[in-house]
Protein backbone atom coordinates (compact mmCIF):
# COMPACT_ATOMS: atom_id res chain seq x y z
CA UNK A 1 -14.30 6.88 9.14
CA UNK A 2 -11.95 7.97 11.91
CA UNK A 3 -8.23 7.44 11.23
CA UNK A 4 -5.40 7.56 13.76
CA UNK A 5 -2.04 8.32 12.17
CA UNK A 6 1.07 7.52 14.18
CA UNK A 7 4.66 8.68 13.64
CA UNK A 8 6.45 6.48 16.17
CA UNK A 9 9.57 7.61 17.94
CA UNK A 10 11.43 6.70 21.11
CA UNK A 11 11.76 10.36 22.14
CA UNK A 12 8.78 12.03 20.47
CA UNK A 13 5.87 9.97 19.18
CA UNK A 14 3.45 12.03 17.09
CA UNK A 15 -0.21 11.22 16.58
CA UNK A 16 -3.00 12.74 14.55
CA UNK A 17 -6.67 11.84 14.30
CA UNK A 18 -8.88 12.82 11.38
CA UNK A 19 -12.41 12.02 10.27
CA UNK A 20 -13.23 11.32 6.64
CA UNK A 21 -16.56 11.78 4.92
CA UNK A 22 -16.05 11.06 1.25
CA UNK A 23 -13.31 13.46 0.17
CA UNK A 24 -13.84 15.77 3.16
CA UNK A 25 -11.14 15.49 5.84
CA UNK A 26 -11.73 16.96 9.29
CA UNK A 27 -9.17 17.35 12.06
CA UNK A 28 -10.18 15.70 15.34
CA UNK A 29 -7.02 15.90 17.43
CA UNK A 30 -3.25 15.92 17.16
CA UNK A 31 -0.35 15.96 19.56
CA UNK A 32 2.84 14.33 20.71
CA UNK A 33 3.96 11.93 23.35
CA UNK A 34 7.29 13.44 24.40
CA UNK A 35 9.03 11.10 26.81
CA UNK A 36 12.72 12.09 26.84
CA UNK A 37 12.03 15.31 28.69
CA UNK A 38 10.65 13.36 31.63
CA UNK A 39 14.03 11.80 32.65
CA UNK A 40 12.82 8.21 32.38
CA UNK A 41 14.82 5.09 31.65
CA UNK A 42 14.26 3.54 28.22
CA UNK A 43 11.88 0.81 29.51
CA UNK A 44 9.94 3.47 31.43
CA UNK A 45 9.74 5.61 28.26
CA UNK A 46 8.31 2.62 26.38
CA UNK A 47 5.74 2.06 29.12
CA UNK A 48 4.86 5.77 28.99
CA UNK A 49 4.42 5.65 25.20
CA UNK A 50 2.18 2.59 25.55
CA UNK A 51 0.01 4.09 28.27
CA UNK A 52 -0.36 7.48 26.60
CA UNK A 53 -0.99 6.01 23.11
CA UNK A 54 -3.59 3.68 24.62
CA UNK A 55 -5.25 6.73 26.21
CA UNK A 56 -5.33 8.50 22.82
CA UNK A 57 -6.94 5.43 21.24
CA UNK A 58 -9.48 5.12 24.06
CA UNK A 59 -10.32 8.83 23.92
CA UNK A 60 -10.61 9.17 20.12
CA UNK A 61 -11.95 5.69 19.24
CA UNK A 62 -10.45 5.40 15.73
CA UNK A 63 -11.84 2.97 13.15
CA UNK A 64 -8.37 2.35 11.74
CA UNK A 65 -4.75 3.00 12.72
CA UNK A 66 -1.95 3.76 10.26
CA UNK A 67 1.75 4.35 10.83
CA UNK A 68 4.87 5.20 8.92
CA UNK A 69 7.28 2.39 8.09
CA UNK A 70 10.87 2.67 9.25
CA UNK A 71 13.24 3.11 6.36
CA UNK A 72 16.53 4.26 7.89
CA UNK A 73 18.11 5.80 10.94
CA UNK A 74 21.38 7.47 11.86
CA UNK A 75 22.85 4.49 13.68
CA UNK A 76 22.05 1.00 14.90
CA UNK A 77 21.04 2.12 18.38
CA UNK A 78 18.55 4.59 16.87
CA UNK A 79 17.06 1.83 14.70
CA UNK A 80 16.70 -0.52 17.68
CA UNK A 81 15.12 2.12 19.89
CA UNK A 82 12.77 3.22 17.11
CA UNK A 83 11.79 -0.42 16.52
CA UNK A 84 10.94 -0.78 20.21
CA UNK A 85 8.83 2.38 20.14
CA UNK A 86 7.03 1.20 16.98
CA UNK A 87 6.34 -2.14 18.65
CA UNK A 88 4.86 -0.42 21.68
CA UNK A 89 2.66 1.81 19.48
CA UNK A 90 1.55 -1.28 17.53
CA UNK A 91 0.79 -3.06 20.81
CA UNK A 92 -1.43 -0.16 21.90
CA UNK A 93 -3.33 -0.43 18.61
CA UNK A 94 -3.54 -4.23 18.79
CA UNK A 95 -4.91 -4.14 22.33
CA UNK A 96 -7.69 -1.88 21.04
CA UNK A 97 -8.47 -4.37 18.26
CA UNK A 98 -6.62 -2.61 15.42
CA UNK A 99 -3.86 -3.93 13.20
CA UNK A 100 -1.99 -0.79 12.09
CA UNK A 101 -1.55 -0.34 8.35
CA UNK A 102 1.90 0.82 7.29
CA UNK A 103 2.95 3.30 4.63
CA UNK A 104 6.43 4.20 3.42
CA UNK A 105 7.62 7.79 3.81
CA UNK A 106 7.47 8.12 0.01
CA UNK A 107 3.83 6.97 -0.09
CA UNK A 108 2.95 9.46 2.64
CA UNK A 109 4.72 12.38 0.94
CA UNK A 110 3.20 11.53 -2.45
CA UNK A 111 -0.30 11.33 -0.98
CA UNK A 112 -0.04 14.68 0.77
CA UNK A 113 2.05 16.75 -1.67
CA UNK A 114 1.94 14.86 -4.96
CA UNK A 115 5.74 14.30 -4.79
CA UNK A 116 7.45 11.35 -3.13
CA UNK A 117 10.58 13.45 -2.63
CA UNK A 118 8.84 16.39 -0.94
CA UNK A 119 10.62 18.20 1.88
CA UNK A 120 9.43 18.15 5.48
CA UNK A 121 8.41 21.80 5.11
CA UNK A 122 6.30 21.03 2.02
CA UNK A 123 4.54 18.21 3.88
CA UNK A 124 3.91 20.51 6.86
CA UNK A 125 2.49 23.22 4.62
CA UNK A 126 0.14 20.84 2.80
CA UNK A 127 -1.08 19.16 6.01
CA UNK A 128 -1.76 22.62 7.41
CA UNK A 129 -3.68 23.61 4.26
CA UNK A 130 -5.63 20.35 3.94
CA UNK A 131 -6.77 20.33 7.58
CA UNK A 132 -7.01 24.14 8.09
CA UNK A 133 -4.60 24.09 11.02
CA UNK A 134 -3.07 27.17 12.59
CA UNK A 135 0.52 26.54 13.68
CA UNK A 136 1.28 25.42 17.19
CA UNK A 137 4.59 24.04 18.50
CA UNK A 138 3.03 20.57 18.74
CA UNK A 139 1.84 20.78 15.14
CA UNK A 140 5.36 20.41 13.78
CA UNK A 141 6.03 17.24 15.79
CA UNK A 142 2.65 15.79 14.83
CA UNK A 143 2.83 16.72 11.13
CA UNK A 144 4.11 13.32 10.00
CA UNK A 145 1.40 11.52 11.96
CA UNK A 146 -1.30 13.72 10.41
CA UNK A 147 0.29 13.10 6.99
CA UNK A 148 0.07 9.33 7.60
CA UNK A 149 -3.64 9.66 8.46
CA UNK A 150 -4.21 11.72 5.28
CA UNK A 151 -2.27 9.11 3.28
CA UNK A 152 -4.60 6.39 4.50
CA UNK A 153 -7.65 8.54 3.77
CA UNK A 154 -6.41 9.08 0.20
CA UNK A 155 -5.15 5.58 -0.54
CA UNK A 156 -7.32 3.35 1.57
CA UNK A 157 -5.89 0.07 2.65
CA UNK A 158 -2.54 -0.98 1.12
CA UNK A 159 -2.37 -4.54 -0.28
CA UNK A 160 -2.49 -7.14 2.47
CA UNK A 161 0.73 -9.08 3.07
CA UNK A 162 0.91 -11.97 0.63
CA UNK A 163 -1.70 -10.45 -1.67
CA UNK A 164 -0.42 -9.76 -5.16
CA UNK A 165 -0.59 -6.35 -6.77
CA UNK A 166 -1.72 -6.15 -10.41
CA UNK A 167 1.90 -5.80 -11.57
CA UNK A 168 3.00 -8.82 -9.53
CA UNK A 169 0.10 -10.87 -10.90
CA UNK A 170 1.08 -9.97 -14.49
CA UNK A 171 4.72 -10.92 -13.86
CA UNK A 172 3.64 -14.22 -12.34
CA UNK A 173 1.27 -14.89 -15.25
CA UNK A 174 4.14 -14.31 -17.69
CA UNK A 175 6.46 -16.61 -15.69
CA UNK A 176 3.74 -19.29 -15.69
CA UNK A 177 3.32 -18.90 -19.47
CA UNK A 178 7.09 -19.20 -20.07
CA UNK A 179 7.28 -22.29 -17.86
CA UNK A 180 4.31 -23.93 -19.59
CA UNK A 181 5.43 -22.99 -23.15
CA UNK A 182 9.25 -23.10 -23.35
CA UNK A 183 9.25 -23.73 -27.13
CA UNK A 184 7.17 -20.61 -27.82
CA UNK A 185 9.64 -18.25 -26.14
CA UNK A 186 12.86 -17.15 -27.80
CA UNK A 187 15.86 -16.72 -25.55
CA UNK A 188 18.16 -13.83 -26.27
């Protein structure tokens, strides 16, 4: 299976493509879409991200796309711009027939390093070791995208929206039992 990992950004958008064959992970390609350095307006940067991400998808032909979920940013403007860039990256995937799967930063770090609170340097080191990559300047900007691809390779597909996890199903079963049998449950 070929996996495209995306670390969306409005200034630098990282991407990494890996192939999986059982537990074997092979690097296909990685890089960045750096748009700020090109002196473009924000709408032009978004168009550039879309066009260049679409070219990556066309060139590498992934079976699945995965991206990191947004969890915080320094200020409101950063969040809004990041949301726009994520939307454009998602659009590129959707136009190629993919619905990107999303993983939290903690899920990505845990999948790559074994610790959800790992540092950026630890993630970089493990991605480098897992994929046998020699450092390049672009590697550091694409590390998170490669980590997202590795996360998907390790975890497979996260639960679909609306689908219950085992823990949620157990909680719901208990709630249903309590509702159906109020006399059998003691209240404290």
